[in-house]
Amino acid sequence: MVVHDDCKLKFLELKAKRTYHFIVFKIEEKHKQVIVEKLGEPTDSYEAFTSSLPADECRYAVYDFDFVTDENCQKSRIIFIAWSPDTSKVRSKMVYASSKDRFKRELNGIQVELQATDPTEMGLDVIRSRAT
């Protein structure tokens, strides 16, 4: 599986410049490569992010999660989400699962990883507990 250069470029922009709030990646099976499917504007909400993940197809996503610690410090964590809903095709789940580690290595700077099969597994409360 090839990772399109655009994936790395957009991830670096999210990480360094905070140009995006999230990025959704898709595996294009015909060309055997991972591509950028959607870029979230810095003002986009978490709901905008979750609604950009299809209900019956797998995706990879990174989300720039901002939060305030108990000590009142502003922090940020880059969350990698492997989205694999129960309703997606078995072949698709296998392709995404087998390509995940290689793809994740291309994105240097991921701090937290989540595997989600339905929206409750990646709710803000789950992300907050994993990020802190």
N, C-alpha and C. Protein backbone atom coordinates (compact mmCIF):
# COMPACT_ATOMS: atom_id res chain seq x y z
N MET A 1 0.84 -1.19 0.00
CA MET A 1 0.00 0.00 0.00
C MET A 1 0.89 1.25 0.00
N VAL A 2 0.67 2.11 -0.96
CA VAL A 2 1.46 3.35 -1.08
C VAL A 2 0.72 4.47 -0.35
N VAL A 3 1.49 5.31 0.32
CA VAL A 3 0.90 6.48 0.98
C VAL A 3 1.19 7.69 0.10
N HIS A 4 0.12 8.32 -0.38
CA HIS A 4 0.26 9.48 -1.26
C HIS A 4 0.98 10.60 -0.49
N ASP A 5 1.89 11.32 -1.19
CA ASP A 5 2.66 12.40 -0.55
C ASP A 5 1.77 13.44 0.10
N ASP A 6 0.59 13.66 -0.48
CA ASP A 6 -0.35 14.64 0.05
C ASP A 6 -0.74 14.31 1.50
N CYS A 7 -0.82 13.03 1.83
CA CYS A 7 -1.18 12.61 3.19
C CYS A 7 -0.16 13.14 4.19
N LYS A 8 1.12 12.94 3.87
CA LYS A 8 2.19 13.39 4.77
C LYS A 8 2.23 14.91 4.85
N LEU A 9 2.06 15.56 3.69
CA LEU A 9 2.09 17.02 3.64
C LEU A 9 0.99 17.64 4.49
N LYS A 10 -0.24 17.15 4.32
CA LYS A 10 -1.38 17.70 5.06
C LYS A 10 -1.23 17.40 6.56
N PHE A 11 -0.68 16.22 6.89
CA PHE A 11 -0.47 15.89 8.29
C PHE A 11 0.53 16.85 8.92
N LEU A 12 1.61 17.15 8.20
CA LEU A 12 2.61 18.10 8.71
C LEU A 12 2.00 19.47 8.91
N GLU A 13 1.11 19.88 8.00
CA GLU A 13 0.44 21.18 8.15
C GLU A 13 -0.45 21.18 9.39
N LEU A 14 -1.15 20.07 9.64
CA LEU A 14 -1.98 19.97 10.84
C LEU A 14 -1.11 20.04 12.08
N LYS A 15 0.00 19.31 12.06
CA LYS A 15 0.86 19.22 13.24
C LYS A 15 1.61 20.53 13.52
N ALA A 16 2.21 21.10 12.50
CA ALA A 16 3.07 22.27 12.71
C ALA A 16 2.32 23.61 12.66
N LYS A 17 1.44 23.73 11.68
CA LYS A 17 0.77 25.03 11.48
C LYS A 17 -0.65 25.08 11.99
N ARG A 18 -1.18 23.90 12.36
CA ARG A 18 -2.58 23.79 12.81
C ARG A 18 -3.55 24.34 11.76
N THR A 19 -3.23 24.04 10.50
CA THR A 19 -4.05 24.48 9.37
C THR A 19 -5.39 23.76 9.34
N TYR A 20 -5.42 22.54 9.87
CA TYR A 20 -6.64 21.73 9.87
C TYR A 20 -6.94 21.25 11.27
N HIS A 21 -8.21 20.97 11.53
CA HIS A 21 -8.60 20.41 12.83
C HIS A 21 -8.60 18.88 12.76
N PHE A 22 -8.85 18.37 11.56
CA PHE A 22 -8.82 16.91 11.36
C PHE A 22 -8.58 16.60 9.90
N ILE A 23 -8.15 15.35 9.66
CA ILE A 23 -7.97 14.85 8.29
C ILE A 23 -8.55 13.44 8.24
N VAL A 24 -9.33 13.17 7.21
CA VAL A 24 -9.86 11.83 6.99
C VAL A 24 -9.13 11.25 5.78
N PHE A 25 -8.60 10.04 5.95
CA PHE A 25 -7.86 9.35 4.88
C PHE A 25 -8.64 8.14 4.41
N LYS A 26 -8.50 7.86 3.13
CA LYS A 26 -9.23 6.76 2.50
C LYS A 26 -8.24 5.91 1.71
N ILE A 27 -8.43 4.59 1.73
CA ILE A 27 -7.62 3.72 0.88
C ILE A 27 -8.34 3.59 -0.46
N GLU A 28 -7.63 3.97 -1.49
CA GLU A 28 -8.15 3.84 -2.85
C GLU A 28 -7.67 2.49 -3.37
N GLU A 29 -8.55 1.51 -3.34
CA GLU A 29 -8.13 0.13 -3.64
C GLU A 29 -7.65 -0.04 -5.07
N LYS A 30 -8.26 0.70 -6.00
CA LYS A 30 -7.90 0.56 -7.41
C LYS A 30 -6.42 0.90 -7.64
N HIS A 31 -5.94 1.97 -6.97
CA HIS A 31 -4.55 2.40 -7.13
C HIS A 31 -3.66 1.94 -5.98
N LYS A 32 -4.24 1.19 -5.04
CA LYS A 32 -3.50 0.67 -3.89
C LYS A 32 -2.73 1.78 -3.17
N GLN A 33 -3.46 2.86 -2.84
CA GLN A 33 -2.80 3.93 -2.11
C GLN A 33 -3.75 4.63 -1.14
N VAL A 34 -3.15 5.24 -0.11
CA VAL A 34 -3.92 6.01 0.86
C VAL A 34 -3.93 7.46 0.39
N ILE A 35 -5.13 8.05 0.35
CA ILE A 35 -5.27 9.43 -0.09
C ILE A 35 -6.03 10.25 0.96
N VAL A 36 -5.93 11.57 0.85
CA VAL A 36 -6.69 12.46 1.72
C VAL A 36 -8.11 12.55 1.17
N GLU A 37 -9.09 12.28 2.02
CA GLU A 37 -10.48 12.37 1.58
C GLU A 37 -11.11 13.69 2.01
N LYS A 38 -10.83 14.13 3.24
CA LYS A 38 -11.46 15.35 3.74
C LYS A 38 -10.53 16.06 4.71
N LEU A 39 -10.52 17.38 4.61
CA LEU A 39 -9.75 18.22 5.53
C LEU A 39 -10.72 19.06 6.35
N GLY A 40 -10.55 19.04 7.65
CA GLY A 40 -11.43 19.82 8.53
C GLY A 40 -10.84 21.18 8.81
N GLU A 41 -11.63 22.21 8.62
CA GLU A 41 -11.19 23.58 8.90
C GLU A 41 -10.88 23.73 10.40
N PRO A 42 -9.98 24.67 10.75
CA PRO A 42 -9.65 24.86 12.18
C PRO A 42 -10.87 25.18 13.04
N THR A 43 -11.91 25.73 12.44
CA THR A 43 -13.11 26.10 13.20
C THR A 43 -14.14 24.97 13.25
N ASP A 44 -13.91 23.87 12.53
CA ASP A 44 -14.86 22.77 12.51
C ASP A 44 -14.96 22.11 13.89
N SER A 45 -16.17 21.69 14.24
CA SER A 45 -16.43 21.06 15.54
C SER A 45 -16.09 19.57 15.50
N TYR A 46 -16.13 18.96 16.68
CA TYR A 46 -15.93 17.52 16.76
C TYR A 46 -17.05 16.78 16.03
N GLU A 47 -18.26 17.34 16.09
CA GLU A 47 -19.41 16.74 15.40
C GLU A 47 -19.18 16.75 13.88
N ALA A 48 -18.58 17.82 13.38
CA ALA A 48 -18.26 17.89 11.94
C ALA A 48 -17.28 16.78 11.58
N PHE A 49 -16.34 16.53 12.48
CA PHE A 49 -15.37 15.46 12.26
C PHE A 49 -16.05 14.09 12.22
N THR A 50 -16.85 13.79 13.25
CA THR A 50 -17.47 12.46 13.31
C THR A 50 -18.46 12.25 12.17
N SER A 51 -19.13 13.31 11.75
CA SER A 51 -20.09 13.15 10.65
C SER A 51 -19.40 12.98 9.30
N SER A 52 -18.10 13.27 9.24
CA SER A 52 -17.38 13.07 7.97
C SER A 52 -16.87 11.64 7.82
N LEU A 53 -17.06 10.81 8.85
CA LEU A 53 -16.70 9.40 8.74
C LEU A 53 -17.93 8.62 8.27
N PRO A 54 -17.81 7.88 7.17
CA PRO A 54 -18.98 7.15 6.66
C PRO A 54 -19.45 6.06 7.62
N ALA A 55 -20.75 5.85 7.66
CA ALA A 55 -21.34 4.90 8.61
C ALA A 55 -21.03 3.44 8.26
N ASP A 56 -20.72 3.17 6.98
CA ASP A 56 -20.53 1.77 6.59
C ASP A 56 -19.24 1.53 5.81
N GLU A 57 -18.25 2.41 5.95
CA GLU A 57 -16.96 2.22 5.28
C GLU A 57 -15.83 2.55 6.24
N CYS A 58 -14.71 1.85 6.10
CA CYS A 58 -13.54 2.09 6.95
C CYS A 58 -12.80 3.35 6.50
N ARG A 59 -12.13 3.97 7.45
CA ARG A 59 -11.28 5.14 7.18
C ARG A 59 -10.20 5.22 8.25
N TYR A 60 -9.16 6.00 7.95
CA TYR A 60 -8.20 6.43 8.96
C TYR A 60 -8.47 7.91 9.16
N ALA A 61 -8.21 8.39 10.36
CA ALA A 61 -8.40 9.81 10.60
C ALA A 61 -7.42 10.28 11.66
N VAL A 62 -7.05 11.55 11.57
CA VAL A 62 -6.30 12.19 12.66
C VAL A 62 -7.11 13.40 13.11
N TYR A 63 -7.12 13.60 14.41
CA TYR A 63 -7.89 14.69 15.00
C TYR A 63 -6.99 15.43 15.97
N ASP A 64 -6.92 16.74 15.82
CA ASP A 64 -6.12 17.59 16.71
C ASP A 64 -7.00 17.97 17.89
N PHE A 65 -6.76 17.32 19.02
CA PHE A 65 -7.62 17.48 20.19
C PHE A 65 -7.01 18.48 21.17
N ASP A 66 -7.69 19.60 21.39
CA ASP A 66 -7.27 20.61 22.36
C ASP A 66 -8.02 20.40 23.66
N PHE A 67 -7.32 20.55 24.76
CA PHE A 67 -7.97 20.41 26.05
C PHE A 67 -7.21 21.19 27.12
N VAL A 68 -7.84 21.37 28.28
CA VAL A 68 -7.23 22.04 29.41
C VAL A 68 -7.02 21.00 30.50
N THR A 69 -5.81 20.92 31.03
CA THR A 69 -5.51 19.94 32.08
C THR A 69 -6.09 20.39 33.41
N ASP A 70 -6.02 19.49 34.40
CA ASP A 70 -6.48 19.83 35.74
C ASP A 70 -5.67 20.99 36.34
N GLU A 71 -4.44 21.15 35.86
CA GLU A 71 -3.58 22.25 36.33
C GLU A 71 -3.84 23.53 35.54
N ASN A 72 -4.89 23.52 34.71
CA ASN A 72 -5.30 24.68 33.91
C ASN A 72 -4.29 25.04 32.81
N CYS A 73 -3.64 24.02 32.25
CA CYS A 73 -2.72 24.23 31.13
C CYS A 73 -3.42 23.84 29.83
N GLN A 74 -3.24 24.67 28.80
CA GLN A 74 -3.79 24.37 27.48
C GLN A 74 -2.88 23.36 26.80
N LYS A 75 -3.43 22.23 26.37
CA LYS A 75 -2.63 21.20 25.70
C LYS A 75 -3.32 20.73 24.44
N SER A 76 -2.55 20.02 23.63
CA SER A 76 -3.08 19.48 22.38
C SER A 76 -2.47 18.11 22.15
N ARG A 77 -3.26 17.17 21.65
CA ARG A 77 -2.78 15.84 21.31
C ARG A 77 -3.30 15.49 19.91
N ILE A 78 -2.45 14.83 19.15
CA ILE A 78 -2.88 14.36 17.83
C ILE A 78 -3.34 12.92 17.99
N ILE A 79 -4.62 12.70 17.72
CA ILE A 79 -5.25 11.40 17.90
C ILE A 79 -5.39 10.72 16.54
N PHE A 80 -4.92 9.49 16.45
CA PHE A 80 -5.10 8.68 15.24
C PHE A 80 -6.26 7.74 15.49
N ILE A 81 -7.22 7.73 14.59
CA ILE A 81 -8.39 6.86 14.73
C ILE A 81 -8.48 5.92 13.54
N ALA A 82 -8.53 4.64 13.85
CA ALA A 82 -8.78 3.63 12.82
C ALA A 82 -10.28 3.33 12.90
N TRP A 83 -11.02 3.86 11.95
CA TRP A 83 -12.48 3.75 11.92
C TRP A 83 -12.84 2.51 11.11
N SER A 84 -13.47 1.55 11.76
CA SER A 84 -13.83 0.30 11.11
C SER A 84 -15.21 -0.15 11.59
N PRO A 85 -16.28 0.47 11.06
CA PRO A 85 -17.63 0.14 11.55
C PRO A 85 -18.01 -1.32 11.26
N ASP A 86 -18.83 -1.86 12.16
CA ASP A 86 -19.27 -3.25 12.02
C ASP A 86 -19.96 -3.51 10.69
N THR A 87 -20.60 -2.48 10.14
CA THR A 87 -21.38 -2.65 8.90
C THR A 87 -20.52 -2.59 7.63
N SER A 88 -19.22 -2.30 7.77
CA SER A 88 -18.37 -2.25 6.56
C SER A 88 -18.04 -3.66 6.08
N LYS A 89 -17.60 -3.75 4.83
CA LYS A 89 -17.30 -5.04 4.23
C LYS A 89 -16.08 -5.67 4.89
N VAL A 90 -16.09 -6.99 4.99
CA VAL A 90 -15.00 -7.72 5.63
C VAL A 90 -13.68 -7.45 4.92
N ARG A 91 -13.69 -7.48 3.60
CA ARG A 91 -12.47 -7.22 2.84
C ARG A 91 -11.89 -5.85 3.17
N SER A 92 -12.75 -4.87 3.24
CA SER A 92 -12.32 -3.51 3.56
C SER A 92 -11.69 -3.46 4.96
N LYS A 93 -12.32 -4.11 5.92
CA LYS A 93 -11.77 -4.15 7.28
C LYS A 93 -10.38 -4.78 7.29
N MET A 94 -10.22 -5.86 6.51
CA MET A 94 -8.93 -6.54 6.46
C MET A 94 -7.85 -5.66 5.82
N VAL A 95 -8.20 -4.97 4.74
CA VAL A 95 -7.23 -4.10 4.06
C VAL A 95 -6.80 -2.97 4.99
N TYR A 96 -7.75 -2.34 5.66
CA TYR A 96 -7.42 -1.24 6.58
C TYR A 96 -6.60 -1.73 7.77
N ALA A 97 -6.97 -2.89 8.32
CA ALA A 97 -6.25 -3.42 9.47
C ALA A 97 -4.80 -3.78 9.11
N SER A 98 -4.62 -4.38 7.94
CA SER A 98 -3.28 -4.81 7.57
C SER A 98 -2.39 -3.64 7.13
N SER A 99 -2.97 -2.52 6.74
CA SER A 99 -2.18 -1.37 6.28
C SER A 99 -1.96 -0.33 7.38
N LYS A 100 -2.66 -0.47 8.50
CA LYS A 100 -2.68 0.58 9.52
C LYS A 100 -1.29 0.93 10.06
N ASP A 101 -0.52 -0.05 10.48
CA ASP A 101 0.77 0.24 11.12
C ASP A 101 1.73 0.92 10.16
N ARG A 102 1.76 0.45 8.92
CA ARG A 102 2.64 1.07 7.94
C ARG A 102 2.23 2.52 7.69
N PHE A 103 0.94 2.75 7.56
CA PHE A 103 0.44 4.11 7.32
C PHE A 103 0.75 5.01 8.51
N LYS A 104 0.52 4.50 9.70
CA LYS A 104 0.76 5.28 10.92
C LYS A 104 2.23 5.69 11.05
N ARG A 105 3.13 4.83 10.63
CA ARG A 105 4.56 5.15 10.68
C ARG A 105 4.91 6.34 9.79
N GLU A 106 4.15 6.51 8.71
CA GLU A 106 4.39 7.64 7.79
C GLU A 106 4.03 8.98 8.43
N LEU A 107 3.12 8.94 9.40
CA LEU A 107 2.66 10.16 10.06
C LEU A 107 3.39 10.30 11.39
N ASN A 108 4.52 10.99 11.35
CA ASN A 108 5.35 11.11 12.53
C ASN A 108 4.79 12.18 13.48
N GLY A 109 4.41 11.77 14.68
CA GLY A 109 3.90 12.74 15.65
C GLY A 109 2.55 12.38 16.23
N ILE A 110 2.07 11.17 15.93
CA ILE A 110 0.80 10.72 16.50
C ILE A 110 1.04 10.38 17.97
N GLN A 111 0.17 10.88 18.85
CA GLN A 111 0.38 10.69 20.28
C GLN A 111 -0.57 9.67 20.91
N VAL A 112 -1.76 9.53 20.34
CA VAL A 112 -2.75 8.60 20.89
C VAL A 112 -3.39 7.86 19.72
N GLU A 113 -3.65 6.56 19.92
CA GLU A 113 -4.32 5.79 18.87
C GLU A 113 -5.61 5.18 19.42
N LEU A 114 -6.65 5.26 18.62
CA LEU A 114 -7.94 4.66 18.97
C LEU A 114 -8.40 3.76 17.83
N GLN A 115 -9.04 2.66 18.20
CA GLN A 115 -9.71 1.79 17.23
C GLN A 115 -11.19 1.92 17.52
N ALA A 116 -11.99 2.30 16.53
CA ALA A 116 -13.41 2.50 16.77
C ALA A 116 -14.26 1.75 15.75
N THR A 117 -15.30 1.07 16.24
CA THR A 117 -16.24 0.39 15.35
C THR A 117 -17.61 1.07 15.36
N ASP A 118 -17.82 1.96 16.33
CA ASP A 118 -19.03 2.78 16.32
C ASP A 118 -18.73 4.10 17.04
N PRO A 119 -19.54 5.13 16.83
CA PRO A 119 -19.23 6.47 17.34
C PRO A 119 -19.01 6.54 18.86
N THR A 120 -19.61 5.65 19.62
CA THR A 120 -19.43 5.72 21.08
C THR A 120 -18.00 5.38 21.50
N GLU A 121 -17.29 4.63 20.66
CA GLU A 121 -15.92 4.23 20.99
C GLU A 121 -14.91 5.35 20.73
N MET A 122 -15.38 6.45 20.15
CA MET A 122 -14.48 7.59 19.93
C MET A 122 -15.16 8.89 20.32
N GLY A 123 -16.01 8.81 21.33
CA GLY A 123 -16.66 10.01 21.85
C GLY A 123 -15.63 10.93 22.48
N LEU A 124 -16.01 12.18 22.67
CA LEU A 124 -15.08 13.15 23.27
C LEU A 124 -14.61 12.71 24.65
N ASP A 125 -15.47 12.06 25.42
CA ASP A 125 -15.08 11.61 26.75
C ASP A 125 -13.99 10.53 26.66
N VAL A 126 -14.10 9.63 25.67
CA VAL A 126 -13.10 8.59 25.45
C VAL A 126 -11.78 9.23 25.04
N ILE A 127 -11.84 10.15 24.10
CA ILE A 127 -10.64 10.83 23.63
C ILE A 127 -9.98 11.60 24.77
N ARG A 128 -10.78 12.30 25.56
CA ARG A 128 -10.24 13.07 26.69
C ARG A 128 -9.52 12.15 27.68
N SER A 129 -10.12 11.01 27.98
CA SER A 129 -9.50 10.10 28.95
C SER A 129 -8.21 9.49 28.41
N ARG A 130 -8.12 9.27 27.11
CA ARG A 130 -6.90 8.71 26.50
C ARG A 130 -5.82 9.78 26.33
N ALA A 131 -6.22 11.02 26.13
CA ALA A 131 -5.27 12.09 25.84
C ALA A 131 -4.57 12.62 27.10
N THR A 132 -5.24 12.53 28.23
CA THR A 132 -4.67 13.13 29.44
C THR A 132 -3.82 12.15 30.23
